Amino acid sequence: MRPQAEEDFAPLPGAGEVTLPRQPGGDHAASHHEAAGSAEERSLFEDVEVLIEDGKTYLEAELNFQKTRARFAGDHAKWVLAYGSVALVVALVALIALAVGLIIALTPHLSAWGATALVVVLFGVVAALAARAALSRVRELSKAFGSGTEGSR
């Protein structure tokens, strides 16, 4: 391994120079500020004009940002919907397979009709409990967003 010489640590060309980023509207705003001169030389009309231009630039940038954000959300929402649909279908098929498997497993003990009835009742109880929990959440939500007068219900 060779020792490093002094010239290996020389600064890069242009190092130490500071350049300010360009404004979105080009150099128009910067030249407008420079042309206005000092505060005594500027008029209120020129200040308002610069403020309006800055506002337009900000509004344009904000609109572009929101458009990009909406496009991003839309692209991701499509995939969420697609994957969610696949997950729902697979879960439904698994639930059907569970029901059929339970009926087949219980048939020797309860007969075909007895096993079917037991599985239907069990799934009915689970569905009723889930519906009751969902209904209580809907009531909580309607209270939270209600008009605030409890006597109207």
N, C-alpha and C. Protein backbone atom coordinates (compact mmCIF):
# COMPACT_ATOMS: atom_id res chain seq x y z
N MET A 1 0.84 -1.17 0.00
CA MET A 1 0.00 0.00 0.00
C MET A 1 0.89 1.24 0.00
N ARG A 2 0.66 2.14 -0.93
CA ARG A 2 1.52 3.31 -1.04
C ARG A 2 1.03 4.42 -0.13
N PRO A 3 1.92 5.21 0.42
CA PRO A 3 1.50 6.35 1.25
C PRO A 3 0.84 7.41 0.37
N GLN A 4 -0.16 8.08 0.92
CA GLN A 4 -0.88 9.09 0.13
C GLN A 4 -0.14 10.40 0.15
N ALA A 5 -0.02 10.98 -1.01
CA ALA A 5 0.71 12.24 -1.16
C ALA A 5 -0.22 13.41 -0.83
N GLU A 6 0.39 14.58 -0.66
CA GLU A 6 -0.36 15.80 -0.35
C GLU A 6 -1.35 16.14 -1.45
N GLU A 7 -0.96 15.90 -2.73
CA GLU A 7 -1.85 16.25 -3.83
C GLU A 7 -3.09 15.36 -3.91
N ASP A 8 -3.05 14.22 -3.23
CA ASP A 8 -4.25 13.36 -3.19
C ASP A 8 -5.38 14.03 -2.41
N PHE A 9 -5.06 14.99 -1.56
CA PHE A 9 -6.06 15.63 -0.73
C PHE A 9 -6.39 17.04 -1.21
N ALA A 10 -6.03 17.37 -2.42
CA ALA A 10 -6.31 18.70 -2.95
C ALA A 10 -7.82 18.87 -3.13
N PRO A 11 -8.33 20.08 -2.89
CA PRO A 11 -9.78 20.29 -3.04
C PRO A 11 -10.20 20.15 -4.50
N LEU A 12 -11.42 19.75 -4.68
CA LEU A 12 -11.96 19.61 -6.02
C LEU A 12 -12.19 20.97 -6.65
N PRO A 13 -12.16 21.05 -7.98
CA PRO A 13 -12.42 22.35 -8.62
C PRO A 13 -13.83 22.80 -8.27
N GLY A 14 -13.96 24.06 -7.90
CA GLY A 14 -15.27 24.61 -7.56
C GLY A 14 -15.68 24.35 -6.12
N ALA A 15 -14.82 23.69 -5.35
CA ALA A 15 -15.16 23.40 -3.96
C ALA A 15 -15.17 24.70 -3.17
N GLY A 16 -16.12 24.82 -2.28
CA GLY A 16 -16.22 26.01 -1.45
C GLY A 16 -17.11 27.07 -2.05
N GLU A 17 -17.52 26.91 -3.30
CA GLU A 17 -18.42 27.87 -3.91
C GLU A 17 -19.84 27.53 -3.50
N VAL A 18 -20.61 28.53 -3.19
CA VAL A 18 -22.00 28.32 -2.78
C VAL A 18 -22.90 28.88 -3.87
N THR A 19 -23.80 28.04 -4.35
CA THR A 19 -24.77 28.50 -5.33
C THR A 19 -26.15 28.29 -4.74
N LEU A 20 -27.00 29.28 -4.89
CA LEU A 20 -28.36 29.18 -4.38
C LEU A 20 -29.22 28.44 -5.39
N PRO A 21 -30.20 27.67 -4.90
CA PRO A 21 -31.08 26.97 -5.84
C PRO A 21 -31.95 27.96 -6.60
N ARG A 22 -32.30 27.59 -7.81
CA ARG A 22 -33.13 28.45 -8.63
C ARG A 22 -34.57 28.35 -8.17
N GLN A 23 -35.29 29.42 -8.25
CA GLN A 23 -36.70 29.42 -7.86
C GLN A 23 -37.52 28.78 -8.96
N PRO A 24 -38.70 28.19 -8.61
CA PRO A 24 -39.51 27.48 -9.59
C PRO A 24 -39.90 28.33 -10.79
N GLY A 25 -40.10 29.60 -10.63
CA GLY A 25 -40.53 30.44 -11.74
C GLY A 25 -39.36 30.94 -12.57
N GLY A 26 -38.21 30.35 -12.47
CA GLY A 26 -37.03 30.82 -13.20
C GLY A 26 -36.40 31.97 -12.44
N ASP A 27 -35.70 32.85 -13.16
CA ASP A 27 -35.05 33.99 -12.53
C ASP A 27 -35.95 35.21 -12.52
N HIS A 28 -37.21 35.05 -12.93
CA HIS A 28 -38.12 36.18 -13.03
C HIS A 28 -38.33 36.84 -11.67
N ALA A 29 -38.58 36.02 -10.64
CA ALA A 29 -38.84 36.58 -9.30
C ALA A 29 -37.57 37.23 -8.75
N ALA A 30 -36.42 36.58 -8.96
CA ALA A 30 -35.17 37.13 -8.46
C ALA A 30 -34.84 38.45 -9.14
N SER A 31 -35.04 38.52 -10.47
CA SER A 31 -34.74 39.76 -11.17
C SER A 31 -35.73 40.84 -10.76
N HIS A 32 -36.94 40.44 -10.40
CA HIS A 32 -37.94 41.40 -9.97
C HIS A 32 -37.52 42.04 -8.65
N HIS A 33 -36.99 41.21 -7.73
CA HIS A 33 -36.54 41.73 -6.45
C HIS A 33 -35.33 42.64 -6.63
N GLU A 34 -34.41 42.24 -7.52
CA GLU A 34 -33.20 43.04 -7.73
C GLU A 34 -33.53 44.36 -8.42
N ALA A 35 -34.50 44.33 -9.35
CA ALA A 35 -34.87 45.53 -10.07
C ALA A 35 -35.57 46.52 -9.15
N ALA A 36 -36.22 46.00 -8.12
CA ALA A 36 -36.96 46.87 -7.23
C ALA A 36 -36.03 47.73 -6.40
N GLY A 37 -34.81 47.27 -6.14
CA GLY A 37 -33.84 48.06 -5.40
C GLY A 37 -34.09 48.02 -3.92
N SER A 38 -33.69 49.09 -3.23
CA SER A 38 -33.84 49.12 -1.77
C SER A 38 -35.29 49.39 -1.40
N ALA A 39 -35.57 49.27 -0.11
CA ALA A 39 -36.94 49.44 0.37
C ALA A 39 -37.46 50.85 0.09
N GLU A 40 -36.59 51.87 0.11
CA GLU A 40 -37.05 53.24 -0.15
C GLU A 40 -37.44 53.43 -1.60
N GLU A 41 -36.79 52.71 -2.51
CA GLU A 41 -37.04 52.87 -3.94
C GLU A 41 -38.26 52.08 -4.42
N ARG A 42 -38.66 51.04 -3.68
CA ARG A 42 -39.79 50.21 -4.10
C ARG A 42 -41.09 50.87 -3.74
N SER A 43 -42.09 50.61 -4.56
CA SER A 43 -43.42 51.11 -4.23
C SER A 43 -44.25 49.97 -3.66
N LEU A 44 -45.34 50.32 -3.03
CA LEU A 44 -46.25 49.32 -2.49
C LEU A 44 -46.82 48.47 -3.62
N PHE A 45 -47.08 49.09 -4.75
CA PHE A 45 -47.61 48.36 -5.90
C PHE A 45 -46.65 47.27 -6.35
N GLU A 46 -45.35 47.59 -6.40
CA GLU A 46 -44.35 46.59 -6.80
C GLU A 46 -44.29 45.45 -5.78
N ASP A 47 -44.37 45.79 -4.49
CA ASP A 47 -44.36 44.76 -3.45
C ASP A 47 -45.56 43.84 -3.58
N VAL A 48 -46.72 44.42 -3.83
CA VAL A 48 -47.94 43.61 -3.98
C VAL A 48 -47.82 42.74 -5.24
N GLU A 49 -47.26 43.29 -6.30
CA GLU A 49 -47.08 42.53 -7.53
C GLU A 49 -46.16 41.32 -7.30
N VAL A 50 -45.07 41.53 -6.58
CA VAL A 50 -44.15 40.44 -6.26
C VAL A 50 -44.85 39.41 -5.37
N LEU A 51 -45.63 39.89 -4.42
CA LEU A 51 -46.36 38.99 -3.53
C LEU A 51 -47.36 38.14 -4.32
N ILE A 52 -48.05 38.74 -5.27
CA ILE A 52 -49.01 38.00 -6.10
C ILE A 52 -48.28 36.96 -6.94
N GLU A 53 -47.13 37.32 -7.51
CA GLU A 53 -46.35 36.35 -8.30
C GLU A 53 -45.88 35.20 -7.43
N ASP A 54 -45.42 35.51 -6.21
CA ASP A 54 -44.99 34.45 -5.30
C ASP A 54 -46.16 33.55 -4.92
N GLY A 55 -47.33 34.15 -4.72
CA GLY A 55 -48.52 33.37 -4.40
C GLY A 55 -48.91 32.45 -5.55
N LYS A 56 -48.81 32.96 -6.78
CA LYS A 56 -49.12 32.12 -7.94
C LYS A 56 -48.14 30.96 -8.05
N THR A 57 -46.86 31.24 -7.81
CA THR A 57 -45.85 30.19 -7.85
C THR A 57 -46.13 29.13 -6.79
N TYR A 58 -46.47 29.60 -5.58
CA TYR A 58 -46.78 28.66 -4.50
C TYR A 58 -48.01 27.84 -4.85
N LEU A 59 -49.06 28.48 -5.37
CA LEU A 59 -50.29 27.77 -5.72
C LEU A 59 -50.04 26.73 -6.80
N GLU A 60 -49.24 27.09 -7.79
CA GLU A 60 -48.90 26.15 -8.86
C GLU A 60 -48.13 24.94 -8.31
N ALA A 61 -47.18 25.19 -7.43
CA ALA A 61 -46.41 24.10 -6.84
C ALA A 61 -47.30 23.22 -5.97
N GLU A 62 -48.20 23.83 -5.22
CA GLU A 62 -49.10 23.06 -4.35
C GLU A 62 -50.06 22.22 -5.19
N LEU A 63 -50.59 22.77 -6.27
CA LEU A 63 -51.47 22.00 -7.15
C LEU A 63 -50.74 20.82 -7.77
N ASN A 64 -49.51 21.04 -8.22
CA ASN A 64 -48.73 19.94 -8.79
C ASN A 64 -48.45 18.86 -7.74
N PHE A 65 -48.16 19.29 -6.53
CA PHE A 65 -47.92 18.32 -5.45
C PHE A 65 -49.18 17.50 -5.18
N GLN A 66 -50.34 18.17 -5.09
CA GLN A 66 -51.58 17.45 -4.80
C GLN A 66 -51.97 16.52 -5.95
N LYS A 67 -51.71 16.93 -7.18
CA LYS A 67 -51.99 16.05 -8.32
C LYS A 67 -51.11 14.79 -8.25
N THR A 68 -49.85 14.98 -7.95
CA THR A 68 -48.93 13.84 -7.84
C THR A 68 -49.35 12.94 -6.69
N ARG A 69 -49.73 13.54 -5.59
CA ARG A 69 -50.18 12.78 -4.43
C ARG A 69 -51.44 11.98 -4.75
N ALA A 70 -52.39 12.59 -5.46
CA ALA A 70 -53.63 11.89 -5.82
C ALA A 70 -53.34 10.74 -6.79
N ARG A 71 -52.43 10.96 -7.72
CA ARG A 71 -52.06 9.91 -8.66
C ARG A 71 -51.41 8.73 -7.91
N PHE A 72 -50.55 9.04 -6.97
CA PHE A 72 -49.89 8.02 -6.16
C PHE A 72 -50.93 7.23 -5.36
N ALA A 73 -51.85 7.93 -4.73
CA ALA A 73 -52.89 7.26 -3.93
C ALA A 73 -53.79 6.41 -4.83
N GLY A 74 -54.12 6.91 -6.01
CA GLY A 74 -54.95 6.14 -6.93
C GLY A 74 -54.28 4.87 -7.40
N ASP A 75 -53.00 4.96 -7.71
CA ASP A 75 -52.26 3.77 -8.14
C ASP A 75 -52.21 2.73 -7.03
N HIS A 76 -51.97 3.18 -5.82
CA HIS A 76 -51.89 2.24 -4.70
C HIS A 76 -53.27 1.70 -4.33
N ALA A 77 -54.31 2.52 -4.48
CA ALA A 77 -55.66 2.06 -4.14
C ALA A 77 -56.09 0.92 -5.06
N LYS A 78 -55.67 0.97 -6.32
CA LYS A 78 -56.01 -0.13 -7.25
C LYS A 78 -55.43 -1.44 -6.75
N TRP A 79 -54.18 -1.39 -6.30
CA TRP A 79 -53.53 -2.62 -5.82
C TRP A 79 -54.13 -3.09 -4.50
N VAL A 80 -54.48 -2.15 -3.64
CA VAL A 80 -55.13 -2.52 -2.38
C VAL A 80 -56.45 -3.22 -2.67
N LEU A 81 -57.22 -2.69 -3.60
CA LEU A 81 -58.48 -3.31 -3.97
C LEU A 81 -58.27 -4.69 -4.58
N ALA A 82 -57.28 -4.82 -5.44
CA ALA A 82 -57.01 -6.12 -6.08
C ALA A 82 -56.58 -7.16 -5.05
N TYR A 83 -55.60 -6.83 -4.22
CA TYR A 83 -55.12 -7.78 -3.22
C TYR A 83 -56.19 -8.06 -2.17
N GLY A 84 -56.95 -7.04 -1.79
CA GLY A 84 -58.03 -7.24 -0.83
C GLY A 84 -59.10 -8.17 -1.36
N SER A 85 -59.42 -8.05 -2.65
CA SER A 85 -60.41 -8.93 -3.27
C SER A 85 -59.92 -10.37 -3.28
N VAL A 86 -58.66 -10.56 -3.63
CA VAL A 86 -58.10 -11.91 -3.63
C VAL A 86 -58.12 -12.49 -2.22
N ALA A 87 -57.75 -11.70 -1.23
CA ALA A 87 -57.75 -12.17 0.15
C ALA A 87 -59.15 -12.54 0.61
N LEU A 88 -60.14 -11.75 0.23
CA LEU A 88 -61.52 -12.03 0.62
C LEU A 88 -62.03 -13.32 -0.02
N VAL A 89 -61.73 -13.52 -1.29
CA VAL A 89 -62.17 -14.74 -1.98
C VAL A 89 -61.49 -15.96 -1.37
N VAL A 90 -60.20 -15.88 -1.11
CA VAL A 90 -59.49 -17.01 -0.53
C VAL A 90 -60.00 -17.31 0.89
N ALA A 91 -60.28 -16.29 1.67
CA ALA A 91 -60.82 -16.50 3.02
C ALA A 91 -62.20 -17.14 2.95
N LEU A 92 -63.02 -16.73 2.00
CA LEU A 92 -64.35 -17.33 1.83
C LEU A 92 -64.24 -18.81 1.44
N VAL A 93 -63.33 -19.12 0.53
CA VAL A 93 -63.12 -20.52 0.13
C VAL A 93 -62.63 -21.34 1.32
N ALA A 94 -61.74 -20.76 2.13
CA ALA A 94 -61.25 -21.46 3.31
C ALA A 94 -62.37 -21.72 4.32
N LEU A 95 -63.26 -20.76 4.46
CA LEU A 95 -64.40 -20.93 5.36
C LEU A 95 -65.35 -22.02 4.87
N ILE A 96 -65.57 -22.07 3.58
CA ILE A 96 -66.40 -23.14 3.01
C ILE A 96 -65.73 -24.49 3.22
N ALA A 97 -64.42 -24.55 3.00
CA ALA A 97 -63.69 -25.81 3.21
C ALA A 97 -63.77 -26.23 4.67
N LEU A 98 -63.70 -25.28 5.59
CA LEU A 98 -63.82 -25.60 7.00
C LEU A 98 -65.21 -26.18 7.32
N ALA A 99 -66.23 -25.56 6.77
CA ALA A 99 -67.59 -26.05 7.01
C ALA A 99 -67.76 -27.47 6.47
N VAL A 100 -67.31 -27.70 5.26
CA VAL A 100 -67.42 -29.04 4.67
C VAL A 100 -66.61 -30.04 5.48
N GLY A 101 -65.41 -29.67 5.87
CA GLY A 101 -64.56 -30.55 6.67
C GLY A 101 -65.19 -30.89 8.01
N LEU A 102 -65.80 -29.91 8.66
CA LEU A 102 -66.47 -30.17 9.93
C LEU A 102 -67.65 -31.12 9.75
N ILE A 103 -68.41 -30.91 8.69
CA ILE A 103 -69.55 -31.81 8.44
C ILE A 103 -69.07 -33.23 8.20
N ILE A 104 -68.03 -33.38 7.40
CA ILE A 104 -67.49 -34.72 7.12
C ILE A 104 -66.94 -35.35 8.40
N ALA A 105 -66.24 -34.58 9.21
CA ALA A 105 -65.64 -35.11 10.44
C ALA A 105 -66.71 -35.48 11.47
N LEU A 106 -67.79 -34.74 11.53
CA LEU A 106 -68.83 -34.99 12.54
C LEU A 106 -69.89 -35.99 12.10
N THR A 107 -69.95 -36.31 10.82
CA THR A 107 -70.99 -37.22 10.31
C THR A 107 -70.99 -38.58 11.01
N PRO A 108 -69.86 -39.22 11.26
CA PRO A 108 -69.91 -40.52 11.94
C PRO A 108 -70.49 -40.44 13.36
N HIS A 109 -70.40 -39.27 13.98
CA HIS A 109 -70.85 -39.13 15.36
C HIS A 109 -72.29 -38.64 15.47
N LEU A 110 -72.74 -37.80 14.52
CA LEU A 110 -74.04 -37.15 14.64
C LEU A 110 -74.99 -37.46 13.47
N SER A 111 -74.60 -38.14 12.48
CA SER A 111 -75.29 -38.36 11.21
C SER A 111 -75.07 -37.14 10.33
N ALA A 112 -75.36 -37.29 9.06
CA ALA A 112 -75.11 -36.21 8.09
C ALA A 112 -75.95 -34.98 8.43
N TRP A 113 -77.24 -35.19 8.75
CA TRP A 113 -78.12 -34.07 9.07
C TRP A 113 -77.74 -33.41 10.39
N GLY A 114 -77.38 -34.18 11.35
CA GLY A 114 -76.98 -33.63 12.65
C GLY A 114 -75.70 -32.81 12.55
N ALA A 115 -74.72 -33.32 11.80
CA ALA A 115 -73.46 -32.60 11.61
C ALA A 115 -73.70 -31.30 10.85
N THR A 116 -74.54 -31.36 9.83
CA THR A 116 -74.86 -30.16 9.05
C THR A 116 -75.54 -29.12 9.94
N ALA A 117 -76.52 -29.56 10.74
CA ALA A 117 -77.23 -28.64 11.62
C ALA A 117 -76.29 -28.01 12.64
N LEU A 118 -75.41 -28.80 13.24
CA LEU A 118 -74.47 -28.27 14.23
C LEU A 118 -73.55 -27.22 13.60
N VAL A 119 -73.02 -27.49 12.41
CA VAL A 119 -72.11 -26.55 11.74
C VAL A 119 -72.86 -25.27 11.38
N VAL A 120 -74.09 -25.39 10.90
CA VAL A 120 -74.86 -24.20 10.54
C VAL A 120 -75.15 -23.37 11.79
N VAL A 121 -75.53 -24.00 12.88
CA VAL A 121 -75.80 -23.27 14.12
C VAL A 121 -74.53 -22.58 14.62
N LEU A 122 -73.40 -23.27 14.61
CA LEU A 122 -72.14 -22.66 15.06
C LEU A 122 -71.77 -21.43 14.22
N PHE A 123 -71.86 -21.59 12.90
CA PHE A 123 -71.55 -20.45 12.03
C PHE A 123 -72.57 -19.33 12.22
N GLY A 124 -73.83 -19.67 12.48
CA GLY A 124 -74.86 -18.67 12.74
C GLY A 124 -74.58 -17.88 14.00
N VAL A 125 -74.13 -18.57 15.04
CA VAL A 125 -73.79 -17.89 16.30
C VAL A 125 -72.61 -16.94 16.09
N VAL A 126 -71.59 -17.39 15.39
CA VAL A 126 -70.44 -16.52 15.10
C VAL A 126 -70.87 -15.31 14.29
N ALA A 127 -71.73 -15.53 13.29
CA ALA A 127 -72.22 -14.42 12.47
C ALA A 127 -73.05 -13.44 13.31
N ALA A 128 -73.89 -13.95 14.21
CA ALA A 128 -74.71 -13.08 15.05
C ALA A 128 -73.84 -12.25 15.99
N LEU A 129 -72.80 -12.85 16.57
CA LEU A 129 -71.90 -12.11 17.45
C LEU A 129 -71.15 -11.02 16.69
N ALA A 130 -70.72 -11.34 15.48
CA ALA A 130 -70.01 -10.34 14.67
C ALA A 130 -70.96 -9.20 14.28
N ALA A 131 -72.20 -9.53 13.92
CA ALA A 131 -73.17 -8.51 13.55
C ALA A 131 -73.50 -7.62 14.75
N ARG A 132 -73.61 -8.21 15.93
CA ARG A 132 -73.90 -7.44 17.14
C ARG A 132 -72.74 -6.48 17.45
N ALA A 133 -71.51 -6.95 17.32
CA ALA A 133 -70.35 -6.08 17.54
C ALA A 133 -70.30 -4.96 16.52
N ALA A 134 -70.61 -5.27 15.26
CA ALA A 134 -70.62 -4.23 14.22
C ALA A 134 -71.70 -3.20 14.51
N LEU A 135 -72.88 -3.65 14.94
CA LEU A 135 -73.97 -2.73 15.24
C LEU A 135 -73.62 -1.81 16.40
N SER A 136 -72.93 -2.33 17.41
CA SER A 136 -72.54 -1.48 18.54
C SER A 136 -71.53 -0.43 18.09
N ARG A 137 -70.65 -0.79 17.16
CA ARG A 137 -69.68 0.19 16.63
C ARG A 137 -70.38 1.25 15.79
N VAL A 138 -71.39 0.84 15.04
CA VAL A 138 -72.14 1.82 14.24
C VAL A 138 -72.85 2.80 15.17
N ARG A 139 -73.41 2.30 16.27
CA ARG A 139 -74.09 3.19 17.23
C ARG A 139 -73.09 4.16 17.85
N GLU A 140 -71.89 3.68 18.23
CA GLU A 140 -70.86 4.56 18.78
C GLU A 140 -70.47 5.64 17.77
N LEU A 141 -70.34 5.23 16.53
CA LEU A 141 -69.96 6.17 15.48
C LEU A 141 -71.05 7.21 15.26
N SER A 142 -72.31 6.78 15.26
CA SER A 142 -73.40 7.74 15.05
C SER A 142 -73.52 8.69 16.23
N LYS A 143 -73.21 8.23 17.46
CA LYS A 143 -73.21 9.13 18.60
C LYS A 143 -72.09 10.17 18.47
N ALA A 144 -70.92 9.72 17.99
CA ALA A 144 -69.79 10.63 17.86
C ALA A 144 -70.05 11.71 16.83
N PHE A 145 -70.77 11.37 15.76
CA PHE A 145 -71.04 12.34 14.70
C PHE A 145 -72.47 12.86 14.74
N GLY A 146 -73.19 12.57 15.81
CA GLY A 146 -74.58 13.00 15.94
C GLY A 146 -74.68 14.49 16.16
N SER A 147 -75.91 14.96 16.26
CA SER A 147 -76.16 16.40 16.41
C SER A 147 -75.85 16.89 17.81
N GLY A 148 -75.64 15.98 18.74
CA GLY A 148 -75.29 16.39 20.09
C GLY A 148 -76.50 16.43 21.01
N THR A 149 -77.70 16.28 20.48
CA THR A 149 -78.90 16.26 21.30
C THR A 149 -79.36 14.83 21.45
N GLU A 150 -79.23 14.29 22.64
CA GLU A 150 -79.58 12.90 22.89
C GLU A 150 -81.08 12.69 22.92
N GLY A 151 -81.88 13.74 23.18
CA GLY A 151 -83.33 13.60 23.25
C GLY A 151 -83.97 13.36 21.90
N SER A 152 -83.26 13.66 20.80
CA SER A 152 -83.85 13.51 19.47
C SER A 152 -83.84 12.08 19.01
N ARG A 153 -83.16 11.18 19.73
CA ARG A 153 -83.10 9.78 19.31
C ARG A 153 -84.07 8.95 20.06
